[in-house]
Amino acid sequence: MLRFVARQLFRKNQGLSSATRLSSSQPVAQSISQNNDQFLAVQWNDGKVDEFPHFYLRENCSCSQCFQPLKNARHMFAPKELDLNVAVESANINSSQLNVKWSDGHNSIYSSESLQTLRYVTLCLNTYNLELNI
């Protein structure tokens, strides 16, 4: 189910230009912390914090091994290849980019813009036209 929701949110955002999704006044990733074994928390320079499930972040990696830019789609993996218990071995913020080394040996880099498009709460609330003051 999580994978289905992630795909729907990803497809919805692909139709928007990056200028529409983010303006220059949008926050940038400032720091990170591990909330528990399943979530990575990103603190933005505007003071807000978003939690990203490890599996969700790993599934949304857009490196050349995971994403096909010409097809604008991710590589398909067999279900047995997916590690539902993938964990962060190390993570850091460098030049407002999140660098993650995963327990499966993969390395991912997420820009602040890509993390903004993956924001869990904001995207879900916008999908259903709900408001939440965090």
Protein backbone atom coordinates (compact mmCIF):
# COMPACT_ATOMS: atom_id res chain seq x y z
CA MET A 1 0.00 0.00 0.00
CA LEU A 2 2.82 2.41 0.88
CA ARG A 3 4.43 1.74 -2.47
CA PHE A 4 1.14 2.46 -4.28
CA VAL A 5 0.69 5.78 -2.45
CA ALA A 6 4.30 6.73 -3.14
CA ARG A 7 3.84 6.02 -6.86
CA GLN A 8 0.65 8.07 -7.04
CA LEU A 9 2.26 11.03 -5.29
CA PHE A 10 5.36 10.73 -7.47
CA ARG A 11 3.30 10.67 -10.69
CA LYS A 12 1.18 13.60 -9.58
CA ASN A 13 4.25 15.74 -8.95
CA GLN A 14 5.97 14.84 -12.20
CA GLY A 15 3.42 16.87 -14.16
CA LEU A 16 4.37 20.04 -12.29
CA SER A 17 7.36 22.13 -13.23
CA SER A 18 9.96 22.58 -10.56
CA ALA A 19 9.11 26.29 -10.48
CA THR A 20 5.51 25.39 -9.66
CA ARG A 21 6.50 22.95 -6.95
CA LEU A 22 9.04 25.17 -5.26
CA SER A 23 9.71 28.85 -5.27
CA SER A 24 13.00 30.41 -4.27
CA SER A 25 11.57 31.09 -0.82
CA GLN A 26 11.02 27.39 -0.12
CA PRO A 27 12.98 25.93 2.79
CA VAL A 28 16.18 23.96 2.40
CA ALA A 29 17.28 20.95 4.42
CA GLN A 30 19.34 22.06 7.39
CA SER A 31 19.89 19.03 9.61
CA ILE A 32 18.85 15.41 10.02
CA SER A 33 18.29 12.98 12.84
CA GLN A 34 17.22 9.37 13.28
CA ASN A 35 13.89 9.30 15.14
CA ASN A 36 13.90 5.53 15.37
CA ASP A 37 14.87 2.54 13.24
CA GLN A 38 12.33 3.36 10.54
CA PHE A 39 12.28 7.16 10.09
CA LEU A 40 14.75 9.85 9.13
CA ALA A 41 13.79 13.35 10.30
CA VAL A 42 14.79 16.37 8.22
CA GLN A 43 14.76 19.78 9.82
CA TRP A 44 14.27 22.66 7.39
CA ASN A 45 15.75 26.12 7.77
CA ASP A 46 12.23 27.45 8.46
CA GLY A 47 12.14 25.34 11.65
CA LYS A 48 9.70 22.66 10.42
CA VAL A 49 10.57 18.98 10.62
CA ASP A 50 9.45 16.21 8.27
CA GLU A 51 9.82 12.49 8.90
CA PHE A 52 10.58 10.19 6.00
CA PRO A 53 10.20 6.40 6.33
CA HIS A 54 13.40 4.65 5.28
CA PHE A 55 11.63 2.41 2.77
CA TYR A 56 9.84 5.41 1.22
CA LEU A 57 13.09 7.33 0.74
CA ARG A 58 14.92 4.31 -0.63
CA GLU A 59 12.07 3.59 -3.07
CA ASN A 60 12.19 7.19 -4.30
CA CYS A 61 15.90 7.33 -5.03
CA SER A 62 16.43 9.04 -8.38
CA CYS A 63 20.03 8.07 -9.10
CA SER A 64 20.94 6.57 -12.48
CA GLN A 65 20.78 3.04 -11.07
CA CYS A 66 17.21 3.54 -9.80
CA PHE A 67 15.69 6.00 -12.26
CA GLN A 68 15.46 6.16 -16.06
CA PRO A 69 15.29 9.86 -17.01
CA LEU A 70 14.48 9.18 -20.67
CA LYS A 71 11.41 7.18 -19.65
CA ASN A 72 10.72 9.39 -16.61
CA ALA A 73 10.26 6.22 -14.58
CA ARG A 74 11.99 4.15 -11.98
CA HIS A 75 13.58 0.81 -12.77
CA MET A 76 11.30 -2.08 -11.93
CA PHE A 77 12.50 -4.45 -9.25
CA ALA A 78 11.24 -7.93 -8.54
CA PRO A 79 9.42 -8.08 -5.18
CA LYS A 80 12.10 -10.40 -3.78
CA GLU A 81 14.72 -7.69 -4.50
CA LEU A 82 13.00 -5.14 -2.26
CA ASP A 83 14.18 -4.94 1.31
CA LEU A 84 11.26 -3.77 3.45
CA ASN A 85 13.62 -3.45 6.39
CA VAL A 86 16.16 -1.23 4.63
CA ALA A 87 17.89 1.03 7.11
CA VAL A 88 20.11 4.09 7.04
CA GLU A 89 23.74 3.26 7.82
CA SER A 90 24.82 6.88 7.65
CA ALA A 91 23.30 10.17 6.57
CA ASN A 92 24.46 13.76 6.38
CA ILE A 93 23.50 17.13 4.93
CA ASN A 94 26.06 18.62 2.56
CA SER A 95 25.29 21.79 0.56
CA SER A 96 21.58 21.38 1.41
CA GLN A 97 21.60 17.87 -0.07
CA LEU A 98 20.81 14.76 1.93
CA ASN A 99 23.39 12.01 1.38
CA VAL A 100 22.30 8.56 2.56
CA LYS A 101 24.19 5.28 2.68
CA TRP A 102 21.72 2.40 2.92
CA SER A 103 22.05 -1.00 4.58
CA ASP A 104 21.71 -2.64 1.14
CA GLY A 105 24.96 -0.92 0.05
CA HIS A 106 23.27 1.72 -2.10
CA ASN A 107 24.04 5.45 -1.86
CA SER A 108 21.40 8.11 -2.51
CA ILE A 109 21.53 11.87 -2.83
CA TYR A 110 18.36 13.92 -2.37
CA SER A 111 18.27 17.64 -3.12
CA SER A 112 16.14 19.91 -0.96
CA GLU A 113 13.78 20.22 -3.93
CA SER A 114 13.35 16.45 -4.27
CA LEU A 115 12.77 16.12 -0.52
CA GLN A 116 10.13 18.84 -0.74
CA THR A 117 8.28 16.85 -3.40
CA LEU A 118 8.48 13.76 -1.19
CA ARG A 119 7.14 15.51 1.93
CA TYR A 120 4.71 13.00 3.33
CA VAL A 121 2.27 15.14 5.31
CA THR A 122 2.11 18.09 2.94
CA LEU A 123 1.46 16.02 -0.15
CA CYS A 124 -1.19 13.86 1.49
CA LEU A 125 -3.00 16.88 2.90
CA ASN A 126 -2.87 18.72 -0.43
CA THR A 127 -4.24 15.68 -2.21
CA TYR A 128 -7.36 15.80 -0.06
CA ASN A 129 -7.49 19.62 0.30
CA LEU A 130 -6.98 19.44 4.07
CA GLU A 131 -5.22 21.91 6.31
CA LEU A 132 -2.90 21.16 9.19
CA ASN A 133 -0.93 23.81 11.00
CA ILE A 134 2.32 22.22 12.06
